[in-house]
Protein backbone atom coordinates (compact mmCIF):
# COMPACT_ATOMS: atom_id res chain seq x y z
CA UNK A 1 9.53 -5.91 -23.88
CA UNK A 2 8.95 -7.75 -27.14
CA UNK A 3 5.19 -7.32 -26.67
CA UNK A 4 5.65 -3.56 -26.37
CA UNK A 5 7.68 -3.40 -29.57
CA UNK A 6 5.22 -5.66 -31.40
CA UNK A 7 2.23 -3.57 -30.33
CA UNK A 8 3.89 -0.38 -31.57
CA UNK A 9 3.90 -1.74 -35.11
CA UNK A 10 0.63 -3.70 -34.94
CA UNK A 11 -1.74 -1.65 -32.79
CA UNK A 12 -5.16 -3.27 -32.47
CA UNK A 13 -6.91 -0.49 -30.64
CA UNK A 14 -6.40 2.85 -29.01
CA UNK A 15 -6.78 1.40 -25.54
CA UNK A 16 -4.06 -1.24 -25.96
CA UNK A 17 -1.64 1.31 -27.39
CA UNK A 18 -2.29 3.69 -24.51
CA UNK A 19 -1.89 0.86 -22.00
CA UNK A 20 1.47 -0.07 -23.49
CA UNK A 21 2.64 3.54 -23.29
CA UNK A 22 1.71 3.68 -19.60
CA UNK A 23 3.37 0.31 -18.99
CA UNK A 24 6.63 1.35 -20.62
CA UNK A 25 6.71 4.58 -18.60
CA UNK A 26 6.14 2.62 -15.39
CA UNK A 27 8.96 0.21 -16.22
CA UNK A 28 11.25 3.12 -17.03
CA UNK A 29 10.53 4.80 -13.69
CA UNK A 30 11.15 1.54 -11.82
CA UNK A 31 14.48 0.91 -13.58
CA UNK A 32 15.80 4.49 -13.51
CA UNK A 33 18.11 4.09 -10.48
CA UNK A 34 19.79 0.82 -11.41
CA UNK A 35 19.65 0.60 -15.19
CA UNK A 36 19.55 4.02 -16.81
CA UNK A 37 20.17 2.71 -20.32
CA UNK A 38 17.19 0.33 -20.15
CA UNK A 39 15.03 3.09 -18.69
CA UNK A 40 15.91 5.40 -21.58
CA UNK A 41 14.95 2.68 -24.04
CA UNK A 42 11.57 2.24 -22.34
CA UNK A 43 11.01 6.01 -22.42
CA UNK A 44 11.85 6.02 -26.12
CA UNK A 45 9.33 3.22 -26.65
CA UNK A 46 6.75 5.25 -24.73
CA UNK A 47 7.30 8.24 -27.01
CA UNK A 48 6.99 6.02 -30.08
CA UNK A 49 3.80 4.48 -28.69
CA UNK A 50 2.36 7.90 -27.92
CA UNK A 51 2.98 9.05 -31.49
CA UNK A 52 1.24 5.92 -32.80
CA UNK A 53 -1.65 6.63 -30.42
CA UNK A 54 -1.94 10.21 -31.71
CA UNK A 55 -1.81 9.00 -35.34
CA UNK A 56 -4.64 6.54 -34.66
CA UNK A 57 -6.83 9.19 -33.06
CA UNK A 58 -6.30 11.84 -35.74
């Protein structure tokens, strides 16, 4: 999780940012049944990563 947070503030490339967004969504889906709070945090990180990805592109 710390790597996801670090990459949101220090993105090296578009591909790594997009990969981290997909990874955080996958973790959120896996944890949704048992740990809803953690899943919501990962979804929030995915939204933040997606906005960084859009800012890099445009």
